[in-house]
Amino acid sequence: MAATSMTIRQALAAAMSPYALPKQTVELLLIEQGFDGDAEYKADIDKKQFYTAVVDGLYKVITLEKEKDPGTENAYDTDKVKELINYYQKKYDIDDPTDYEFINRTEEW
């Protein structure tokens, strides 16, 4: 039996499942991380870089909260999305993009 393969785009969608984003958003996530979405997903892919794209996508899901398609409405449990984000961040040592350090520059004036 031949091994099945998938593209990096398909792997990103699978890693984000059951949460989905518009195609253009997925393309942007891939481009921002330097991936060719049509390339084959391989076991030796840079996991931190790949899951950074996944985490960025999941943050976009949180901002949607409700996704409306013609004739359907999918409500996402944002707490579950946050748990998945936290899992990937810990597993792949990904920085939290929402954890901004406050820099006091008042003394520079």
PDB file of N, CA and C in Angstrom:
ATOM      1  N   MET A   1       0.848  -1.171   0.000  1.00  0.00           N
ATOM      2  CA  MET A   1       0.000   0.000   0.000  1.00  0.00           C
ATOM      3  C   MET A   1       0.898   1.240   0.000  1.00  0.00           C
ATOM      4  N   ALA A   2       0.623   2.157  -0.890  1.00  0.00           N
ATOM      5  CA  ALA A   2       1.423   3.377  -1.009  1.00  0.00           C
ATOM      6  C   ALA A   2       1.107   4.331   0.138  1.00  0.00           C
ATOM      7  N   ALA A   3       2.142   5.008   0.600  1.00  0.00           N
ATOM      8  CA  ALA A   3       1.958   5.987   1.669  1.00  0.00           C
ATOM      9  C   ALA A   3       1.246   7.206   1.100  1.00  0.00           C
ATOM     10  N   THR A   4       0.352   7.754   1.880  1.00  0.00           N
ATOM     11  CA  THR A   4      -0.339   8.962   1.432  1.00  0.00           C
ATOM     12  C   THR A   4       0.498  10.172   1.816  1.00  0.00           C
ATOM     13  N   SER A   5       0.358  11.203   1.023  1.00  0.00           N
ATOM     14  CA  SER A   5       1.086  12.423   1.332  1.00  0.00           C
ATOM     15  C   SER A   5       0.101  13.578   1.359  1.00  0.00           C
ATOM     16  N   MET A   6       0.547  14.665   1.947  1.00  0.00           N
ATOM     17  CA  MET A   6      -0.283  15.861   1.981  1.00  0.00           C
ATOM     18  C   MET A   6       0.610  17.073   1.800  1.00  0.00           C
ATOM     19  N   THR A   7      -0.015  18.143   1.365  1.00  0.00           N
ATOM     20  CA  THR A   7       0.726  19.383   1.203  1.00  0.00           C
ATOM     21  C   THR A   7       0.844  20.079   2.558  1.00  0.00           C
ATOM     22  N   ILE A   8       1.721  21.053   2.607  1.00  0.00           N
ATOM     23  CA  ILE A   8       1.859  21.835   3.845  1.00  0.00           C
ATOM     24  C   ILE A   8       0.552  22.561   4.135  1.00  0.00           C
ATOM     25  N   ARG A   9      -0.136  23.027   3.119  1.00  0.00           N
ATOM     26  CA  ARG A   9      -1.439  23.691   3.290  1.00  0.00           C
ATOM     27  C   ARG A   9      -2.435  22.738   3.948  1.00  0.00           C
ATOM     28  N   GLN A  10      -2.487  21.495   3.468  1.00  0.00           N
ATOM     29  CA  GLN A  10      -3.394  20.494   4.034  1.00  0.00           C
ATOM     30  C   GLN A  10      -3.007  20.161   5.468  1.00  0.00           C
ATOM     31  N   ALA A  11      -1.709  20.091   5.733  1.00  0.00           N
ATOM     32  CA  ALA A  11      -1.240  19.784   7.086  1.00  0.00           C
ATOM     33  C   ALA A  11      -1.621  20.911   8.050  1.00  0.00           C
ATOM     34  N   LEU A  12      -1.517  22.159   7.586  1.00  0.00           N
ATOM     35  CA  LEU A  12      -1.911  23.292   8.419  1.00  0.00           C
ATOM     36  C   LEU A  12      -3.399  23.207   8.756  1.00  0.00           C
ATOM     37  N   ALA A  13      -4.214  22.911   7.764  1.00  0.00           N
ATOM     38  CA  ALA A  13      -5.650  22.770   7.999  1.00  0.00           C
ATOM     39  C   ALA A  13      -5.939  21.623   8.970  1.00  0.00           C
ATOM     40  N   ALA A  14      -5.213  20.522   8.826  1.00  0.00           N
ATOM     41  CA  ALA A  14      -5.408  19.375   9.719  1.00  0.00           C
ATOM     42  C   ALA A  14      -4.994  19.711  11.148  1.00  0.00           C
ATOM     43  N   ALA A  15      -3.897  20.437  11.300  1.00  0.00           N
ATOM     44  CA  ALA A  15      -3.423  20.796  12.640  1.00  0.00           C
ATOM     45  C   ALA A  15      -4.384  21.765  13.320  1.00  0.00           C
ATOM     46  N   MET A  16      -5.093  22.568  12.539  1.00  0.00           N
ATOM     47  CA  MET A  16      -6.044  23.526  13.107  1.00  0.00           C
ATOM     48  C   MET A  16      -7.436  22.938  13.294  1.00  0.00           C
ATOM     49  N   SER A  17      -7.679  21.768  12.740  1.00  0.00           N
ATOM     50  CA  SER A  17      -8.997  21.148  12.780  1.00  0.00           C
ATOM     51  C   SER A  17      -9.481  20.979  14.228  1.00  0.00           C
ATOM     52  N   PRO A  18     -10.708  21.271  14.527  1.00  0.00           N
ATOM     53  CA  PRO A  18     -11.855  21.510  13.657  1.00  0.00           C
ATOM     54  C   PRO A  18     -12.056  22.984  13.283  1.00  0.00           C
ATOM     55  N   TYR A  19     -11.110  23.819  13.570  1.00  0.00           N
ATOM     56  CA  TYR A  19     -11.240  25.243  13.298  1.00  0.00           C
ATOM     57  C   TYR A  19     -10.718  25.550  11.902  1.00  0.00           C
ATOM     58  N   ALA A  20     -11.423  26.388  11.181  1.00  0.00           N
ATOM     59  CA  ALA A  20     -11.050  26.681   9.800  1.00  0.00           C
ATOM     60  C   ALA A  20     -10.986  28.188   9.570  1.00  0.00           C
ATOM     61  N   LEU A  21     -10.162  28.569   8.623  1.00  0.00           N
ATOM     62  CA  LEU A  21      -9.999  29.968   8.237  1.00  0.00           C
ATOM     63  C   LEU A  21     -10.231  30.106   6.739  1.00  0.00           C
ATOM     64  N   PRO A  22     -10.527  31.316   6.284  1.00  0.00           N
ATOM     65  CA  PRO A  22     -10.642  31.534   4.837  1.00  0.00           C
ATOM     66  C   PRO A  22      -9.331  31.186   4.129  1.00  0.00           C
ATOM     67  N   LYS A  23      -9.431  30.772   2.877  1.00  0.00           N
ATOM     68  CA  LYS A  23      -8.267  30.346   2.105  1.00  0.00           C
ATOM     69  C   LYS A  23      -7.177  31.409   2.051  1.00  0.00           C
ATOM     70  N   GLN A  24      -7.563  32.674   1.883  1.00  0.00           N
ATOM     71  CA  GLN A  24      -6.576  33.748   1.789  1.00  0.00           C
ATOM     72  C   GLN A  24      -5.802  33.901   3.096  1.00  0.00           C
ATOM     73  N   THR A  25      -6.474  33.697   4.209  1.00  0.00           N
ATOM     74  CA  THR A  25      -5.816  33.804   5.508  1.00  0.00           C
ATOM     75  C   THR A  25      -4.806  32.675   5.686  1.00  0.00           C
ATOM     76  N   VAL A  26      -5.183  31.477   5.266  1.00  0.00           N
ATOM     77  CA  VAL A  26      -4.269  30.330   5.334  1.00  0.00           C
ATOM     78  C   VAL A  26      -3.039  30.604   4.472  1.00  0.00           C
ATOM     79  N   GLU A  27      -3.259  31.132   3.271  1.00  0.00           N
ATOM     80  CA  GLU A  27      -2.131  31.449   2.387  1.00  0.00           C
ATOM     81  C   GLU A  27      -1.201  32.468   3.038  1.00  0.00           C
ATOM     82  N   LEU A  28      -1.772  33.482   3.668  1.00  0.00           N
ATOM     83  CA  LEU A  28      -0.963  34.502   4.338  1.00  0.00           C
ATOM     84  C   LEU A  28      -0.143  33.888   5.473  1.00  0.00           C
ATOM     85  N   LEU A  29      -0.742  33.022   6.265  1.00  0.00           N
ATOM     86  CA  LEU A  29      -0.014  32.355   7.353  1.00  0.00           C
ATOM     87  C   LEU A  29       1.179  31.576   6.809  1.00  0.00           C
ATOM     88  N   LEU A  30       0.973  30.878   5.713  1.00  0.00           N
ATOM     89  CA  LEU A  30       2.054  30.092   5.108  1.00  0.00           C
ATOM     90  C   LEU A  30       3.159  30.998   4.577  1.00  0.00           C
ATOM     91  N   ILE A  31       2.774  32.046   3.887  1.00  0.00           N
ATOM     92  CA  ILE A  31       3.758  32.977   3.326  1.00  0.00           C
ATOM     93  C   ILE A  31       4.569  33.637   4.441  1.00  0.00           C
ATOM     94  N   GLU A  32       3.883  34.062   5.506  1.00  0.00           N
ATOM     95  CA  GLU A  32       4.574  34.732   6.610  1.00  0.00           C
ATOM     96  C   GLU A  32       5.614  33.837   7.266  1.00  0.00           C
ATOM     97  N   GLN A  33       5.418  32.529   7.234  1.00  0.00           N
ATOM     98  CA  GLN A  33       6.387  31.601   7.824  1.00  0.00           C
ATOM     99  C   GLN A  33       7.345  31.028   6.782  1.00  0.00           C
ATOM    100  N   GLY A  34       7.243  31.507   5.545  1.00  0.00           N
ATOM    101  CA  GLY A  34       8.181  31.087   4.508  1.00  0.00           C
ATOM    102  C   GLY A  34       7.888  29.726   3.888  1.00  0.00           C
ATOM    103  N   PHE A  35       6.646  29.273   3.967  1.00  0.00           N
ATOM    104  CA  PHE A  35       6.290  27.964   3.416  1.00  0.00           C
ATOM    105  C   PHE A  35       5.631  28.084   2.055  1.00  0.00           C
ATOM    106  N   ASP A  36       5.899  27.114   1.202  1.00  0.00           N
ATOM    107  CA  ASP A  36       5.177  26.934  -0.044  1.00  0.00           C
ATOM    108  C   ASP A  36       4.048  25.965   0.280  1.00  0.00           C
ATOM    109  N   GLY A  37       2.825  26.451   0.257  1.00  0.00           N
ATOM    110  CA  GLY A  37       1.680  25.626   0.639  1.00  0.00           C
ATOM    111  C   GLY A  37       1.511  24.382  -0.197  1.00  0.00           C
ATOM    112  N   ASP A  38       2.011  24.395  -1.441  1.00  0.00           N
ATOM    113  CA  ASP A  38       1.879  23.237  -2.321  1.00  0.00           C
ATOM    114  C   ASP A  38       2.980  22.198  -2.119  1.00  0.00           C
ATOM    115  N   ALA A  39       4.006  22.548  -1.345  1.00  0.00           N
ATOM    116  CA  ALA A  39       5.094  21.603  -1.080  1.00  0.00           C
ATOM    117  C   ALA A  39       4.580  20.455  -0.210  1.00  0.00           C
ATOM    118  N   GLU A  40       5.235  19.322  -0.324  1.00  0.00           N
ATOM    119  CA  GLU A  40       4.846  18.153   0.456  1.00  0.00           C
ATOM    120  C   GLU A  40       5.235  18.345   1.925  1.00  0.00           C
ATOM    121  N   TYR A  41       4.311  18.004   2.809  1.00  0.00           N
ATOM    122  CA  TYR A  41       4.596  18.035   4.244  1.00  0.00           C
ATOM    123  C   TYR A  41       5.445  16.808   4.558  1.00  0.00           C
ATOM    124  N   LYS A  42       6.596  17.044   5.164  1.00  0.00           N
ATOM    125  CA  LYS A  42       7.505  15.940   5.497  1.00  0.00           C
ATOM    126  C   LYS A  42       7.795  15.947   6.983  1.00  0.00           C
ATOM    127  N   ALA A  43       8.187  14.804   7.499  1.00  0.00           N
ATOM    128  CA  ALA A  43       8.454  14.649   8.927  1.00  0.00           C
ATOM    129  C   ALA A  43       9.566  15.563   9.422  1.00  0.00           C
ATOM    130  N   ASP A  44      10.480  15.953   8.537  1.00  0.00           N
ATOM    131  CA  ASP A  44      11.604  16.784   8.975  1.00  0.00           C
ATOM    132  C   ASP A  44      11.334  18.289   8.851  1.00  0.00           C
ATOM    133  N   ILE A  45      10.073  18.665   8.652  1.00  0.00           N
ATOM    134  CA  ILE A  45       9.720  20.084   8.576  1.00  0.00           C
ATOM    135  C   ILE A  45      10.089  20.773   9.896  1.00  0.00           C
ATOM    136  N   ASP A  46      10.419  22.028   9.838  1.00  0.00           N
ATOM    137  CA  ASP A  46      10.719  22.798  11.051  1.00  0.00           C
ATOM    138  C   ASP A  46       9.412  22.935  11.837  1.00  0.00           C
ATOM    139  N   LYS A  47       9.266  22.103  12.862  1.00  0.00           N
ATOM    140  CA  LYS A  47       8.005  22.038  13.619  1.00  0.00           C
ATOM    141  C   LYS A  47       7.681  23.359  14.323  1.00  0.00           C
ATOM    142  N   LYS A  48       8.698  24.018  14.865  1.00  0.00           N
ATOM    143  CA  LYS A  48       8.443  25.284  15.546  1.00  0.00           C
ATOM    144  C   LYS A  48       7.896  26.315  14.561  1.00  0.00           C
ATOM    145  N   GLN A  49       8.489  26.389  13.401  1.00  0.00           N
ATOM    146  CA  GLN A  49       8.035  27.327  12.382  1.00  0.00           C
ATOM    147  C   GLN A  49       6.626  26.967  11.908  1.00  0.00           C
ATOM    148  N   PHE A  50       6.381  25.676  11.671  1.00  0.00           N
ATOM    149  CA  PHE A  50       5.068  25.223  11.212  1.00  0.00           C
ATOM    150  C   PHE A  50       3.992  25.522  12.258  1.00  0.00           C
ATOM    151  N   TYR A  51       4.265  25.158  13.513  1.00  0.00           N
ATOM    152  CA  TYR A  51       3.247  25.361  14.541  1.00  0.00           C
ATOM    153  C   TYR A  51       3.115  26.824  14.949  1.00  0.00           C
ATOM    154  N   THR A  52       4.090  27.653  14.613  1.00  0.00           N
ATOM    155  CA  THR A  52       3.912  29.093  14.786  1.00  0.00           C
ATOM    156  C   THR A  52       2.810  29.568  13.834  1.00  0.00           C
ATOM    157  N   ALA A  53       2.803  29.050  12.622  1.00  0.00           N
ATOM    158  CA  ALA A  53       1.731  29.378  11.672  1.00  0.00           C
ATOM    159  C   ALA A  53       0.389  28.886  12.196  1.00  0.00           C
ATOM    160  N   VAL A  54       0.374  27.694  12.789  1.00  0.00           N
ATOM    161  CA  VAL A  54      -0.865  27.147  13.354  1.00  0.00           C
ATOM    162  C   VAL A  54      -1.357  28.034  14.495  1.00  0.00           C
ATOM    163  N   VAL A  55      -0.470  28.400  15.405  1.00  0.00           N
ATOM    164  CA  VAL A  55      -0.846  29.245  16.545  1.00  0.00           C
ATOM    165  C   VAL A  55      -1.363  30.599  16.051  1.00  0.00           C
ATOM    166  N   ASP A  56      -0.675  31.190  15.083  1.00  0.00           N
ATOM    167  CA  ASP A  56      -1.142  32.462  14.527  1.00  0.00           C
ATOM    168  C   ASP A  56      -2.547  32.317  13.948  1.00  0.00           C
ATOM    169  N   GLY A  57      -2.792  31.203  13.278  1.00  0.00           N
ATOM    170  CA  GLY A  57      -4.123  30.944  12.728  1.00  0.00           C
ATOM    171  C   GLY A  57      -5.170  30.765  13.804  1.00  0.00           C
ATOM    172  N   LEU A  58      -4.807  30.071  14.869  1.00  0.00           N
ATOM    173  CA  LEU A  58      -5.765  29.864  15.960  1.00  0.00           C
ATOM    174  C   LEU A  58      -6.086  31.168  16.674  1.00  0.00           C
ATOM    175  N   TYR A  59      -5.114  32.081  16.771  1.00  0.00           N
ATOM    176  CA  TYR A  59      -5.415  33.396  17.334  1.00  0.00           C
ATOM    177  C   TYR A  59      -6.429  34.132  16.463  1.00  0.00           C
ATOM    178  N   LYS A  60      -6.355  33.925  15.160  1.00  0.00           N
ATOM    179  CA  LYS A  60      -7.333  34.548  14.264  1.00  0.00           C
ATOM    180  C   LYS A  60      -8.719  33.957  14.487  1.00  0.00           C
ATOM    181  N   VAL A  61      -8.791  32.670  14.804  1.00  0.00           N
ATOM    182  CA  VAL A  61     -10.074  32.026  15.100  1.00  0.00           C
ATOM    183  C   VAL A  61     -10.709  32.675  16.327  1.00  0.00           C
ATOM    184  N   ILE A  62      -9.892  32.957  17.336  1.00  0.00           N
ATOM    185  CA  ILE A  62     -10.424  33.588  18.549  1.00  0.00           C
ATOM    186  C   ILE A  62     -11.033  34.942  18.224  1.00  0.00           C
ATOM    187  N   THR A  63     -10.383  35.695  17.355  1.00  0.00           N
ATOM    188  CA  THR A  63     -10.900  37.016  17.035  1.00  0.00           C
ATOM    189  C   THR A  63     -12.194  36.937  16.246  1.00  0.00           C
ATOM    190  N   LEU A  64     -12.421  35.820  15.574  1.00  0.00           N
ATOM    191  CA  LEU A  64     -13.676  35.660  14.838  1.00  0.00           C
ATOM    192  C   LEU A  64     -14.845  35.400  15.777  1.00  0.00           C
ATOM    193  N   GLU A  65     -14.626  34.600  16.795  1.00  0.00           N
ATOM    194  CA  GLU A  65     -15.621  34.099  17.735  1.00  0.00           C
ATOM    195  C   GLU A  65     -16.798  33.427  17.046  1.00  0.00           C
ATOM    196  N   LYS A  66     -17.396  34.093  16.093  1.00  0.00           N
ATOM    197  CA  LYS A  66     -18.453  33.456  15.315  1.00  0.00           C
ATOM    198  C   LYS A  66     -18.122  33.635  13.847  1.00  0.00           C
ATOM    199  N   GLU A  67     -18.149  32.545  13.154  1.00  0.00           N
ATOM    200  CA  GLU A  67     -17.897  32.585  11.716  1.00  0.00           C
ATOM    201  C   GLU A  67     -19.226  32.363  11.025  1.00  0.00           C
ATOM    202  N   LYS A  68     -19.569  33.272  10.148  1.00  0.00           N
ATOM    203  CA  LYS A  68     -20.838  33.137   9.440  1.00  0.00           C
ATOM    204  C   LYS A  68     -20.575  32.870   7.969  1.00  0.00           C
ATOM    205  N   ASP A  69     -21.101  31.762   7.523  1.00  0.00           N
ATOM    206  CA  ASP A  69     -21.095  31.436   6.105  1.00  0.00           C
ATOM    207  C   ASP A  69     -22.547  31.497   5.647  1.00  0.00           C
ATOM    208  N   PRO A  70     -22.766  31.700   4.375  1.00  0.00           N
ATOM    209  CA  PRO A  70     -24.159  31.710   3.896  1.00  0.00           C
ATOM    210  C   PRO A  70     -24.886  30.426   4.290  1.00  0.00           C
ATOM    211  N   GLY A  71     -25.925  30.574   5.054  1.00  0.00           N
ATOM    212  CA  GLY A  71     -26.732  29.427   5.459  1.00  0.00           C
ATOM    213  C   GLY A  71     -26.241  28.674   6.680  1.00  0.00           C
ATOM    214  N   THR A  72     -25.053  29.008   7.206  1.00  0.00           N
ATOM    215  CA  THR A  72     -24.551  28.306   8.389  1.00  0.00           C
ATOM    216  C   THR A  72     -23.955  29.296   9.370  1.00  0.00           C
ATOM    217  N   GLU A  73     -23.852  28.872  10.595  1.00  0.00           N
ATOM    218  CA  GLU A  73     -23.167  29.672  11.607  1.00  0.00           C
ATOM    219  C   GLU A  73     -22.442  28.721  12.540  1.00  0.00           C
ATOM    220  N   ASN A  74     -21.135  28.886  12.653  1.00  0.00           N
ATOM    221  CA  ASN A  74     -20.324  28.051  13.528  1.00  0.00           C
ATOM    222  C   ASN A  74     -19.848  28.899  14.693  1.00  0.00           C
ATOM    223  N   ALA A  75     -20.252  28.530  15.895  1.00  0.00           N
ATOM    224  CA  ALA A  75     -19.763  29.235  17.073  1.00  0.00           C
ATOM    225  C   ALA A  75     -18.606  28.433  17.648  1.00  0.00           C
ATOM    226  N   TYR A  76     -17.477  29.108  17.908  1.00  0.00           N
ATOM    227  CA  TYR A  76     -16.305  28.437  18.445  1.00  0.00           C
ATOM    228  C   TYR A  76     -16.214  28.661  19.935  1.00  0.00           C
ATOM    229  N   ASP A  77     -15.828  27.618  20.644  1.00  0.00           N
ATOM    230  CA  ASP A  77     -15.561  27.724  22.075  1.00  0.00           C
ATOM    231  C   ASP A  77     -14.149  28.282  22.220  1.00  0.00           C
ATOM    232  N   THR A  78     -14.054  29.578  22.490  1.00  0.00           N
ATOM    233  CA  THR A  78     -12.740  30.222  22.513  1.00  0.00           C
ATOM    234  C   THR A  78     -11.843  29.675  23.612  1.00  0.00           C
ATOM    235  N   ASP A  79     -12.417  29.166  24.698  1.00  0.00           N
ATOM    236  CA  ASP A  79     -11.581  28.567  25.743  1.00  0.00           C
ATOM    237  C   ASP A  79     -10.866  27.321  25.216  1.00  0.00           C
ATOM    238  N   LYS A  80     -11.555  26.537  24.403  1.00  0.00           N
ATOM    239  CA  LYS A  80     -10.937  25.342  23.821  1.00  0.00           C
ATOM    240  C   LYS A  80      -9.857  25.733  22.817  1.00  0.00           C
ATOM    241  N   VAL A  81     -10.100  26.798  22.051  1.00  0.00           N
ATOM    242  CA  VAL A  81      -9.091  27.274  21.103  1.00  0.00           C
ATOM    243  C   VAL A  81      -7.849  27.721  21.873  1.00  0.00           C
ATOM    244  N   LYS A  82      -8.053  28.437  22.972  1.00  0.00           N
ATOM    245  CA  LYS A  82      -6.929  28.907  23.792  1.00  0.00           C
ATOM    246  C   LYS A  82      -6.152  27.733  24.379  1.00  0.00           C
ATOM    247  N   GLU A  83      -6.853  26.667  24.770  1.00  0.00           N
ATOM    248  CA  GLU A  83      -6.172  25.478  25.291  1.00  0.00           C
ATOM    249  C   GLU A  83      -5.282  24.847  24.214  1.00  0.00           C
ATOM    250  N   LEU A  84      -5.789  24.790  22.984  1.00  0.00           N
ATOM    251  CA  LEU A  84      -5.006  24.225  21.889  1.00  0.00           C
ATOM    252  C   LEU A  84      -3.789  25.105  21.588  1.00  0.00           C
ATOM    253  N   ILE A  85      -3.982  26.412  21.612  1.00  0.00           N
ATOM    254  CA  ILE A  85      -2.870  27.346  21.416  1.00  0.00           C
ATOM    255  C   ILE A  85      -1.809  27.115  22.489  1.00  0.00           C
ATOM    256  N   ASN A  86      -2.242  27.051  23.725  1.00  0.00           N
ATOM    257  CA  ASN A  86      -1.326  26.856  24.848  1.00  0.00           C
ATOM    258  C   ASN A  86      -0.566  25.539  24.705  1.00  0.00           C
ATOM    259  N   TYR A  87      -1.249  24.499  24.277  1.00  0.00           N
ATOM    260  CA  TYR A  87      -0.616  23.195  24.072  1.00  0.00           C
ATOM    261  C   TYR A  87       0.511  23.310  23.040  1.00  0.00           C
ATOM    262  N   TYR A  88       0.226  23.894  21.880  1.00  0.00           N
ATOM    263  CA  TYR A  88       1.240  24.027  20.828  1.00  0.00           C
ATOM    264  C   TYR A  88       2.388  24.936  21.263  1.00  0.00           C
ATOM    265  N   GLN A  89       2.074  26.004  21.985  1.00  0.00           N
ATOM    266  CA  GLN A  89       3.130  26.917  22.433  1.00  0.00           C
ATOM    267  C   GLN A  89       4.096  26.205  23.375  1.00  0.00           C
ATOM    268  N   LYS A  90       3.567  25.409  24.279  1.00  0.00           N
ATOM    269  CA  LYS A  90       4.434  24.692  25.213  1.00  0.00           C
ATOM    270  C   LYS A  90       5.217  23.579  24.511  1.00  0.00           C
ATOM    271  N   LYS A  91       4.532  22.814  23.681  1.00  0.00           N
ATOM    272  CA  LYS A  91       5.166  21.674  23.024  1.00  0.00           C
ATOM    273  C   LYS A  91       6.289  22.097  22.086  1.00  0.00           C
ATOM    274  N   TYR A  92       6.111  23.214  21.385  1.00  0.00           N
ATOM    275  CA  TYR A  92       7.094  23.642  20.383  1.00  0.00           C
ATOM    276  C   TYR A  92       7.849  24.905  20.780  1.00  0.00           C
ATOM    277  N   ASP A  93       7.752  25.278  22.053  1.00  0.00           N
ATOM    278  CA  ASP A  93       8.484  26.425  22.588  1.00  0.00           C
ATOM    279  C   ASP A  93       8.263  27.683  21.732  1.00  0.00           C
ATOM    280  N   ILE A  94       6.990  28.006  21.542  1.00  0.00           N
ATOM    281  CA  ILE A  94       6.602  29.162  20.727  1.00  0.00           C
ATOM    282  C   ILE A  94       6.251  30.310  21.660  1.00  0.00           C
ATOM    283  N   ASP A  95       6.814  31.481  21.376  1.00  0.00           N
ATOM    284  CA  ASP A  95       6.515  32.666  22.178  1.00  0.00           C
ATOM    285  C   ASP A  95       5.057  33.061  22.000  1.00  0.00           C
ATOM    286  N   ASP A  96       4.483  33.614  23.064  1.00  0.00           N
ATOM    287  CA  ASP A  96       3.110  34.097  23.029  1.00  0.00           C
ATOM    288  C   ASP A  96       3.109  35.497  22.431  1.00  0.00           C
ATOM    289  N   PRO A  97       2.533  35.669  21.239  1.00  0.00           N
ATOM    290  CA  PRO A  97       2.559  36.991  20.613  1.00  0.00           C
ATOM    291  C   PRO A  97       1.705  38.024  21.339  1.00  0.00           C
ATOM    292  N   THR A  98       0.868  37.592  22.272  1.00  0.00           N
ATOM    293  CA  THR A  98       0.042  38.553  23.009  1.00  0.00           C
ATOM    294  C   THR A  98       0.706  38.986  24.310  1.00  0.00           C
ATOM    295  N   ASP A  99       1.874  38.425  24.626  1.00  0.00           N
ATOM    296  CA  ASP A  99       2.568  38.737  25.868  1.00  0.00           C
ATOM    297  C   ASP A  99       3.596  39.844  25.599  1.00  0.00           C
ATOM    298  N   TYR A 100       3.107  41.071  25.569  1.00  0.00           N
ATOM    299  CA  TYR A 100       3.974  42.203  25.272  1.00  0.00           C
ATOM    300  C   TYR A 100       4.605  42.733  26.555  1.00  0.00           C
ATOM    301  N   GLU A 101       5.883  43.016  26.457  1.00  0.00           N
ATOM    302  CA  GLU A 101       6.588  43.590  27.594  1.00  0.00           C
ATOM    303  C   GLU A 101       6.371  45.083  27.610  1.00  0.00           C
ATOM    304  N   PHE A 102       6.032  45.604  28.753  1.00  0.00           N
ATOM    305  CA  PHE A 102       5.856  47.045  28.868  1.00  0.00           C
ATOM    306  C   PHE A 102       7.226  47.675  29.038  1.00  0.00           C
ATOM    307  N   ILE A 103       7.521  48.612  28.175  1.00  0.00           N
ATOM    308  CA  ILE A 103       8.809  49.294  28.239  1.00  0.00           C
ATOM    309  C   ILE A 103       8.558  50.716  28.712  1.00  0.00           C
ATOM    310  N   ASN A 104       9.146  51.073  29.847  1.00  0.00           N
ATOM    311  CA  ASN A 104       8.978  52.404  30.403  1.00  0.00           C
ATOM    312  C   ASN A 104      10.008  53.324  29.766  1.00  0.00           C
ATOM    313  N   ARG A 105       9.541  54.200  28.913  1.00  0.00           N
ATOM    314  CA  ARG A 105      10.443  55.111  28.235  1.00  0.00           C
ATOM    315  C   ARG A 105      10.272  56.552  28.731  1.00  0.00           C
ATOM    316  N   THR A 106       9.586  56.720  29.820  1.00  0.00           N
ATOM    317  CA  THR A 106       9.336  58.073  30.305  1.00  0.00           C
ATOM    318  C   THR A 106      10.614  58.779  30.706  1.00  0.00           C
ATOM    319  N   GLU A 107      11.629  58.029  31.136  1.00  0.00           N
ATOM    320  CA  GLU A 107      12.892  58.642  31.544  1.00  0.00           C
ATOM    321  C   GLU A 107      13.721  59.101  30.344  1.00  0.00           C
ATOM    322  N   GLU A 108      13.357  58.632  29.163  1.00  0.00           N
ATOM    323  CA  GLU A 108      14.105  59.025  27.968  1.00  0.00           C
ATOM    324  C   GLU A 108      13.726  60.419  27.495  1.00  0.00           C
ATOM    325  N   TRP A 109      12.637  60.963  27.974  1.00  0.00           N
ATOM    326  CA  TRP A 109      12.148  62.268  27.519  1.00  0.00           C
ATOM    327  C   TRP A 109      12.969  63.365  28.075  1.00  0.00           C
TER     328      TRP A 109
END
